[in-house]
Amino acid sequence: SEIVKTKPSYITIEDLDVMRMMKNKHLS
């Protein structure tokens, strides 16, 4: 809600590979 209320023309995020990150026993 706080991010969107600044009304930017675009928002860029990274396509995280969550499934691969979950395989790491230290970070899952």
PDB file of all heavy atoms in Angstrom:
ATOM      1  N   SER A   1       0.826  -1.209   0.000  1.00  0.00           N
ATOM      2  CA  SER A   1       0.000   0.000   0.000  1.00  0.00           C
ATOM      3  C   SER A   1       0.862   1.262   0.000  1.00  0.00           C
ATOM      4  O   SER A   1       0.594   2.211  -0.749  1.00  0.00           O
ATOM      5  CB  SER A   1      -0.926  -0.010   1.223  1.00  0.00           C
ATOM      6  OG  SER A   1      -1.729   1.143   1.250  1.00  0.00           O
ATOM      7  N   GLU A   2       1.922   1.279   0.806  1.00  0.00           N
ATOM      8  CA  GLU A   2       2.813   2.444   0.846  1.00  0.00           C
ATOM      9  C   GLU A   2       3.552   2.641  -0.471  1.00  0.00           C
ATOM     10  O   GLU A   2       3.738   3.766  -0.927  1.00  0.00           O
ATOM     11  CB  GLU A   2       3.817   2.289   1.990  1.00  0.00           C
ATOM     12  CG  GLU A   2       3.205   2.445   3.376  1.00  0.00           C
ATOM     13  CD  GLU A   2       4.238   2.317   4.477  1.00  0.00           C
ATOM     14  OE1 GLU A   2       5.448   2.369   4.163  1.00  0.00           O
ATOM     15  OE2 GLU A   2       3.847   2.171   5.646  1.00  0.00           O
ATOM     16  N   ILE A   3       3.971   1.548  -1.102  1.00  0.00           N
ATOM     17  CA  ILE A   3       4.709   1.646  -2.368  1.00  0.00           C
ATOM     18  C   ILE A   3       3.808   2.183  -3.476  1.00  0.00           C
ATOM     19  O   ILE A   3       4.188   3.081  -4.242  1.00  0.00           O
ATOM     20  CB  ILE A   3       5.282   0.268  -2.759  1.00  0.00           C
ATOM     21  CG1 ILE A   3       6.363  -0.163  -1.767  1.00  0.00           C
ATOM     22  CG2 ILE A   3       5.870   0.310  -4.166  1.00  0.00           C
ATOM     23  CD1 ILE A   3       6.793  -1.612  -1.911  1.00  0.00           C
ATOM     24  N   VAL A   4       2.596   1.645  -3.573  1.00  0.00           N
ATOM     25  CA  VAL A   4       1.690   2.003  -4.659  1.00  0.00           C
ATOM     26  C   VAL A   4       1.177   3.436  -4.511  1.00  0.00           C
ATOM     27  O   VAL A   4       0.943   4.127  -5.514  1.00  0.00           O
ATOM     28  CB  VAL A   4       0.527   0.988  -4.720  1.00  0.00           C
ATOM     29  CG1 VAL A   4      -0.537   1.437  -5.688  1.00  0.00           C
ATOM     30  CG2 VAL A   4       1.039  -0.380  -5.138  1.00  0.00           C
ATOM     31  N   LYS A   5       1.019   3.901  -3.280  1.00  0.00           N
ATOM     32  CA  LYS A   5       0.488   5.252  -3.051  1.00  0.00           C
ATOM     33  C   LYS A   5       1.449   6.359  -3.479  1.00  0.00           C
ATOM     34  O   LYS A   5       1.044   7.522  -3.585  1.00  0.00           O
ATOM     35  CB  LYS A   5       0.111   5.426  -1.577  1.00  0.00           C
ATOM     36  CG  LYS A   5      -1.215   4.758  -1.225  1.00  0.00           C
ATOM     37  CD  LYS A   5      -1.580   4.953   0.227  1.00  0.00           C
ATOM     38  CE  LYS A   5      -2.921   4.272   0.533  1.00  0.00           C
ATOM     39  NZ  LYS A   5      -3.295   4.390   1.968  1.00  0.00           N
ATOM     40  N   THR A   6       2.721   6.032  -3.747  1.00  0.00           N
ATOM     41  CA  THR A   6       3.642   7.025  -4.311  1.00  0.00           C
ATOM     42  C   THR A   6       3.349   7.288  -5.784  1.00  0.00           C
ATOM     43  O   THR A   6       3.896   8.227  -6.365  1.00  0.00           O
ATOM     44  CB  THR A   6       5.099   6.559  -4.152  1.00  0.00           C
ATOM     45  OG1 THR A   6       5.267   5.286  -4.807  1.00  0.00           O
ATOM     46  CG2 THR A   6       5.466   6.404  -2.684  1.00  0.00           C
ATOM     47  N   LYS A   7       2.517   6.425  -6.419  1.00  0.00           N
ATOM     48  CA  LYS A   7       2.044   6.555  -7.800  1.00  0.00           C
ATOM     49  C   LYS A   7       3.194   6.665  -8.808  1.00  0.00           C
ATOM     50  O   LYS A   7       3.280   7.631  -9.573  1.00  0.00           O
ATOM     51  CB  LYS A   7       1.120   7.769  -7.932  1.00  0.00           C
ATOM     52  CG  LYS A   7      -0.148   7.645  -7.111  1.00  0.00           C
ATOM     53  CD  LYS A   7      -0.997   8.873  -7.211  1.00  0.00           C
ATOM     54  CE  LYS A   7      -2.211   8.757  -6.305  1.00  0.00           C
ATOM     55  NZ  LYS A   7      -3.040   9.992  -6.327  1.00  0.00           N
ATOM     56  N   PRO A   8       4.105   5.679  -8.809  1.00  0.00           N
ATOM     57  CA  PRO A   8       5.148   5.683  -9.846  1.00  0.00           C
ATOM     58  C   PRO A   8       4.572   5.248 -11.188  1.00  0.00           C
ATOM     59  O   PRO A   8       3.530   4.595 -11.246  1.00  0.00           O
ATOM     60  CB  PRO A   8       6.163   4.667  -9.314  1.00  0.00           C
ATOM     61  CG  PRO A   8       5.342   3.714  -8.519  1.00  0.00           C
ATOM     62  CD  PRO A   8       4.208   4.510  -7.926  1.00  0.00           C
ATOM     63  N   SER A   9       5.244   5.598 -12.272  1.00  0.00           N
ATOM     64  CA  SER A   9       4.756   5.186 -13.595  1.00  0.00           C
ATOM     65  C   SER A   9       4.995   3.706 -13.835  1.00  0.00           C
ATOM     66  O   SER A   9       4.267   3.073 -14.600  1.00  0.00           O
ATOM     67  CB  SER A   9       5.443   6.018 -14.680  1.00  0.00           C
ATOM     68  OG  SER A   9       6.855   5.870 -14.586  1.00  0.00           O
ATOM     69  N   TYR A  10       6.037   3.133 -13.186  1.00  0.00           N
ATOM     70  CA  TYR A  10       6.293   1.704 -13.307  1.00  0.00           C
ATOM     71  C   TYR A  10       7.006   1.202 -12.058  1.00  0.00           C
ATOM     72  O   TYR A  10       7.658   1.974 -11.338  1.00  0.00           O
ATOM     73  CB  TYR A  10       7.116   1.380 -14.559  1.00  0.00           C
ATOM     74  CG  TYR A  10       8.521   1.936 -14.547  1.00  0.00           C
ATOM     75  CD1 TYR A  10       9.583   1.211 -14.005  1.00  0.00           C
ATOM     76  CD2 TYR A  10       8.797   3.199 -15.069  1.00  0.00           C
ATOM     77  CE1 TYR A  10      10.874   1.713 -13.989  1.00  0.00           C
ATOM     78  CE2 TYR A  10      10.080   3.711 -15.054  1.00  0.00           C
ATOM     79  CZ  TYR A  10      11.115   2.964 -14.517  1.00  0.00           C
ATOM     80  OH  TYR A  10      12.395   3.469 -14.487  1.00  0.00           O
ATOM     81  N   ILE A  11       6.887  -0.097 -11.805  1.00  0.00           N
ATOM     82  CA  ILE A  11       7.585  -0.768 -10.707  1.00  0.00           C
ATOM     83  C   ILE A  11       8.291  -1.980 -11.295  1.00  0.00           C
ATOM     84  O   ILE A  11       7.683  -2.758 -12.041  1.00  0.00           O
ATOM     85  CB  ILE A  11       6.613  -1.206  -9.592  1.00  0.00           C
ATOM     86  CG1 ILE A  11       5.972   0.015  -8.923  1.00  0.00           C
ATOM     87  CG2 ILE A  11       7.330  -2.041  -8.537  1.00  0.00           C
ATOM     88  CD1 ILE A  11       4.903  -0.334  -7.897  1.00  0.00           C
ATOM     89  N   THR A  12       9.569  -2.141 -10.963  1.00  0.00           N
ATOM     90  CA  THR A  12      10.356  -3.259 -11.485  1.00  0.00           C
ATOM     91  C   THR A  12      10.770  -4.168 -10.339  1.00  0.00           C
ATOM     92  O   THR A  12      11.310  -3.708  -9.331  1.00  0.00           O
ATOM     93  CB  THR A  12      11.610  -2.764 -12.221  1.00  0.00           C
ATOM     94  OG1 THR A  12      11.247  -1.765 -13.176  1.00  0.00           O
ATOM     95  CG2 THR A  12      12.306  -3.911 -12.932  1.00  0.00           C
ATOM     96  N   ILE A  13      10.501  -5.468 -10.491  1.00  0.00           N
ATOM     97  CA  ILE A  13      10.911  -6.466  -9.506  1.00  0.00           C
ATOM     98  C   ILE A  13      11.681  -7.573 -10.216  1.00  0.00           C
ATOM     99  O   ILE A  13      11.676  -7.654 -11.450  1.00  0.00           O
ATOM    100  CB  ILE A  13       9.700  -7.060  -8.754  1.00  0.00           C
ATOM    101  CG1 ILE A  13       8.716  -7.719  -9.737  1.00  0.00           C
ATOM    102  CG2 ILE A  13       9.021  -6.023  -7.893  1.00  0.00           C
ATOM    103  CD1 ILE A  13       7.569  -8.438  -9.073  1.00  0.00           C
ATOM    104  N   GLU A  14      12.317  -8.414  -9.444  1.00  0.00           N
ATOM    105  CA  GLU A  14      13.086  -9.522  -9.984  1.00  0.00           C
ATOM    106  C   GLU A  14      12.258 -10.803  -9.945  1.00  0.00           C
ATOM    107  O   GLU A  14      11.481 -11.019  -9.007  1.00  0.00           O
ATOM    108  CB  GLU A  14      14.365  -9.704  -9.164  1.00  0.00           C
ATOM    109  CG  GLU A  14      15.378 -10.652  -9.772  1.00  0.00           C
ATOM    110  CD  GLU A  14      16.656 -10.729  -8.956  1.00  0.00           C
ATOM    111  OE1 GLU A  14      16.717 -10.082  -7.890  1.00  0.00           O
ATOM    112  OE2 GLU A  14      17.582 -11.439  -9.381  1.00  0.00           O
ATOM    113  N   ASP A  15      12.413 -11.628 -10.967  1.00  0.00           N
ATOM    114  CA  ASP A  15      11.706 -12.909 -11.035  1.00  0.00           C
ATOM    115  C   ASP A  15      12.457 -13.928 -10.175  1.00  0.00           C
ATOM    116  O   ASP A  15      13.303 -14.680 -10.674  1.00  0.00           O
ATOM    117  CB  ASP A  15      11.615 -13.387 -12.479  1.00  0.00           C
ATOM    118  CG  ASP A  15      10.781 -14.652 -12.615  1.00  0.00           C
ATOM    119  OD1 ASP A  15      10.010 -14.949 -11.681  1.00  0.00           O
ATOM    120  OD2 ASP A  15      10.912 -15.346 -13.638  1.00  0.00           O
ATOM    121  N   LEU A  16      12.153 -13.944  -8.893  1.00  0.00           N
ATOM    122  CA  LEU A  16      12.871 -14.816  -7.960  1.00  0.00           C
ATOM    123  C   LEU A  16      12.501 -16.280  -8.171  1.00  0.00           C
ATOM    124  O   LEU A  16      11.329 -16.614  -8.367  1.00  0.00           O
ATOM    125  CB  LEU A  16      12.557 -14.419  -6.515  1.00  0.00           C
ATOM    126  CG  LEU A  16      13.084 -13.063  -6.037  1.00  0.00           C
ATOM    127  CD1 LEU A  16      12.570 -12.775  -4.645  1.00  0.00           C
ATOM    128  CD2 LEU A  16      14.605 -13.030  -6.045  1.00  0.00           C
ATOM    129  N   ASP A  17      13.494 -17.143  -8.119  1.00  0.00           N
ATOM    130  CA  ASP A  17      13.266 -18.587  -8.201  1.00  0.00           C
ATOM    131  C   ASP A  17      13.063 -19.112  -6.777  1.00  0.00           C
ATOM    132  O   ASP A  17      13.974 -19.628  -6.143  1.00  0.00           O
ATOM    133  CB  ASP A  17      14.467 -19.268  -8.868  1.00  0.00           C
ATOM    134  CG  ASP A  17      14.180 -20.721  -9.200  1.00  0.00           C
ATOM    135  OD1 ASP A  17      13.062 -21.185  -8.906  1.00  0.00           O
ATOM    136  OD2 ASP A  17      15.074 -21.403  -9.748  1.00  0.00           O
ATOM    137  N   VAL A  18      11.833 -18.964  -6.284  1.00  0.00           N
ATOM    138  CA  VAL A  18      11.536 -19.302  -4.890  1.00  0.00           C
ATOM    139  C   VAL A  18      11.674 -20.802  -4.645  1.00  0.00           C
ATOM    140  O   VAL A  18      12.147 -21.228  -3.585  1.00  0.00           O
ATOM    141  CB  VAL A  18      10.110 -18.822  -4.514  1.00  0.00           C
ATOM    142  CG1 VAL A  18       9.789 -19.187  -3.069  1.00  0.00           C
ATOM    143  CG2 VAL A  18       9.992 -17.317  -4.698  1.00  0.00           C
ATOM    144  N   MET A  19      11.303 -21.619  -5.631  1.00  0.00           N
ATOM    145  CA  MET A  19      11.403 -23.072  -5.475  1.00  0.00           C
ATOM    146  C   MET A  19      12.859 -23.503  -5.255  1.00  0.00           C
ATOM    147  O   MET A  19      13.137 -24.363  -4.414  1.00  0.00           O
ATOM    148  CB  MET A  19      10.830 -23.770  -6.715  1.00  0.00           C
ATOM    149  CG  MET A  19       9.330 -23.627  -6.863  1.00  0.00           C
ATOM    150  SD  MET A  19       8.416 -24.428  -5.530  1.00  0.00           S
ATOM    151  CE  MET A  19       8.758 -26.132  -5.901  1.00  0.00           C
ATOM    152  N   ARG A  20      13.774 -22.899  -5.995  1.00  0.00           N
ATOM    153  CA  ARG A  20      15.186 -23.246  -5.831  1.00  0.00           C
ATOM    154  C   ARG A  20      15.729 -22.725  -4.511  1.00  0.00           C
ATOM    155  O   ARG A  20      16.548 -23.367  -3.861  1.00  0.00           O
ATOM    156  CB  ARG A  20      16.002 -22.672  -6.997  1.00  0.00           C
ATOM    157  CG  ARG A  20      17.452 -23.150  -7.039  1.00  0.00           C
ATOM    158  CD  ARG A  20      18.102 -22.750  -8.345  1.00  0.00           C
ATOM    159  NE  ARG A  20      18.131 -21.307  -8.504  1.00  0.00           N
ATOM    160  CZ  ARG A  20      19.109 -20.527  -8.035  1.00  0.00           C
ATOM    161  NH1 ARG A  20      20.118 -21.032  -7.371  1.00  0.00           N
ATOM    162  NH2 ARG A  20      19.068 -19.220  -8.241  1.00  0.00           N
ATOM    163  N   MET A  21      15.238 -21.556  -4.092  1.00  0.00           N
ATOM    164  CA  MET A  21      15.664 -20.995  -2.802  1.00  0.00           C
ATOM    165  C   MET A  21      15.184 -21.857  -1.643  1.00  0.00           C
ATOM    166  O   MET A  21      15.855 -21.962  -0.618  1.00  0.00           O
ATOM    167  CB  MET A  21      15.140 -19.563  -2.658  1.00  0.00           C
ATOM    168  CG  MET A  21      15.744 -18.581  -3.656  1.00  0.00           C
ATOM    169  SD  MET A  21      14.883 -16.996  -3.688  1.00  0.00           S
ATOM    170  CE  MET A  21      15.352 -16.315  -2.111  1.00  0.00           C
ATOM    171  N   MET A  22      14.013 -22.481  -1.806  1.00  0.00           N
ATOM    172  CA  MET A  22      13.472 -23.325  -0.742  1.00  0.00           C
ATOM    173  C   MET A  22      14.274 -24.608  -0.561  1.00  0.00           C
ATOM    174  O   MET A  22      14.202 -25.253   0.483  1.00  0.00           O
ATOM    175  CB  MET A  22      12.016 -23.678  -1.055  1.00  0.00           C
ATOM    176  CG  MET A  22      11.058 -22.501  -0.947  1.00  0.00           C
ATOM    177  SD  MET A  22      10.828 -21.926   0.732  1.00  0.00           S
ATOM    178  CE  MET A  22       9.894 -23.272   1.408  1.00  0.00           C
ATOM    179  N   LYS A  23      15.042 -25.001  -1.585  1.00  0.00           N
ATOM    180  CA  LYS A  23      15.853 -26.210  -1.483  1.00  0.00           C
ATOM    181  C   LYS A  23      17.097 -26.004  -0.622  1.00  0.00           C
ATOM    182  O   LYS A  23      17.726 -26.977  -0.207  1.00  0.00           O
ATOM    183  CB  LYS A  23      16.251 -26.679  -2.886  1.00  0.00           C
ATOM    184  CG  LYS A  23      15.076 -27.195  -3.704  1.00  0.00           C
ATOM    185  CD  LYS A  23      15.514 -27.629  -5.091  1.00  0.00           C
ATOM    186  CE  LYS A  23      14.311 -28.123  -5.902  1.00  0.00           C
ATOM    187  NZ  LYS A  23      14.700 -28.518  -7.277  1.00  0.00           N
ATOM    188  N   ASN A  24      17.463 -24.750  -0.391  1.00  0.00           N
ATOM    189  CA  ASN A  24      18.605 -24.444   0.471  1.00  0.00           C
ATOM    190  C   ASN A  24      18.174 -24.601   1.927  1.00  0.00           C
ATOM    191  O   ASN A  24      17.345 -23.849   2.429  1.00  0.00           O
ATOM    192  CB  ASN A  24      19.090 -23.015   0.201  1.00  0.00           C
ATOM    193  CG  ASN A  24      20.380 -22.692   0.925  1.00  0.00           C
ATOM    194  OD1 ASN A  24      20.697 -23.278   1.964  1.00  0.00           O
ATOM    195  ND2 ASN A  24      21.128 -21.745   0.391  1.00  0.00           N
ATOM    196  N   LYS A  25      18.733 -25.593   2.627  1.00  0.00           N
ATOM    197  CA  LYS A  25      18.286 -25.893   3.988  1.00  0.00           C
ATOM    198  C   LYS A  25      18.585 -24.759   4.968  1.00  0.00           C
ATOM    199  O   LYS A  25      17.958 -24.660   6.021  1.00  0.00           O
ATOM    200  CB  LYS A  25      18.928 -27.188   4.483  1.00  0.00           C
ATOM    201  CG  LYS A  25      20.451 -27.134   4.595  1.00  0.00           C
ATOM    202  CD  LYS A  25      21.009 -28.450   5.099  1.00  0.00           C
ATOM    203  CE  LYS A  25      22.526 -28.393   5.248  1.00  0.00           C
ATOM    204  NZ  LYS A  25      23.066 -29.676   5.745  1.00  0.00           N
ATOM    205  N   HIS A  26      19.543 -23.880   4.635  1.00  0.00           N
ATOM    206  CA  HIS A  26      19.880 -22.776   5.521  1.00  0.00           C
ATOM    207  C   HIS A  26      18.944 -21.575   5.333  1.00  0.00           C
ATOM    208  O   HIS A  26      18.810 -20.747   6.230  1.00  0.00           O
ATOM    209  CB  HIS A  26      21.324 -22.326   5.282  1.00  0.00           C
ATOM    210  CG  HIS A  26      22.335 -23.427   5.464  1.00  0.00           C
ATOM    211  ND1 HIS A  26      22.623 -23.978   6.703  1.00  0.00           N
ATOM    212  CD2 HIS A  26      23.104 -24.101   4.562  1.00  0.00           C
ATOM    213  CE1 HIS A  26      23.536 -24.930   6.556  1.00  0.00           C
ATOM    214  NE2 HIS A  26      23.839 -25.026   5.276  1.00  0.00           N
ATOM    215  N   LEU A  27      18.293 -21.472   4.162  1.00  0.00           N
ATOM    216  CA  LEU A  27      17.459 -20.309   3.864  1.00  0.00           C
ATOM    217  C   LEU A  27      15.982 -20.633   3.701  1.00  0.00           C
ATOM    218  O   LEU A  27      15.165 -19.719   3.616  1.00  0.00           O
ATOM    219  CB  LEU A  27      17.954 -19.641   2.569  1.00  0.00           C
ATOM    220  CG  LEU A  27      19.327 -18.978   2.595  1.00  0.00           C
ATOM    221  CD1 LEU A  27      19.689 -18.492   1.206  1.00  0.00           C
ATOM    222  CD2 LEU A  27      19.376 -17.826   3.573  1.00  0.00           C
ATOM    223  N   SER A  28      15.631 -21.911   3.636  1.00  0.00           N
ATOM    224  CA  SER A  28      14.255 -22.293   3.286  1.00  0.00           C
ATOM    225  C   SER A  28      13.219 -21.711   4.250  1.00  0.00           C
ATOM    226  O   SER A  28      12.194 -21.166   3.820  1.00  0.00           O
ATOM    227  CB  SER A  28      14.126 -23.813   3.232  1.00  0.00           C
ATOM    228  OG  SER A  28      14.476 -24.390   4.481  1.00  0.00           O
TER     229      SER A  28
END
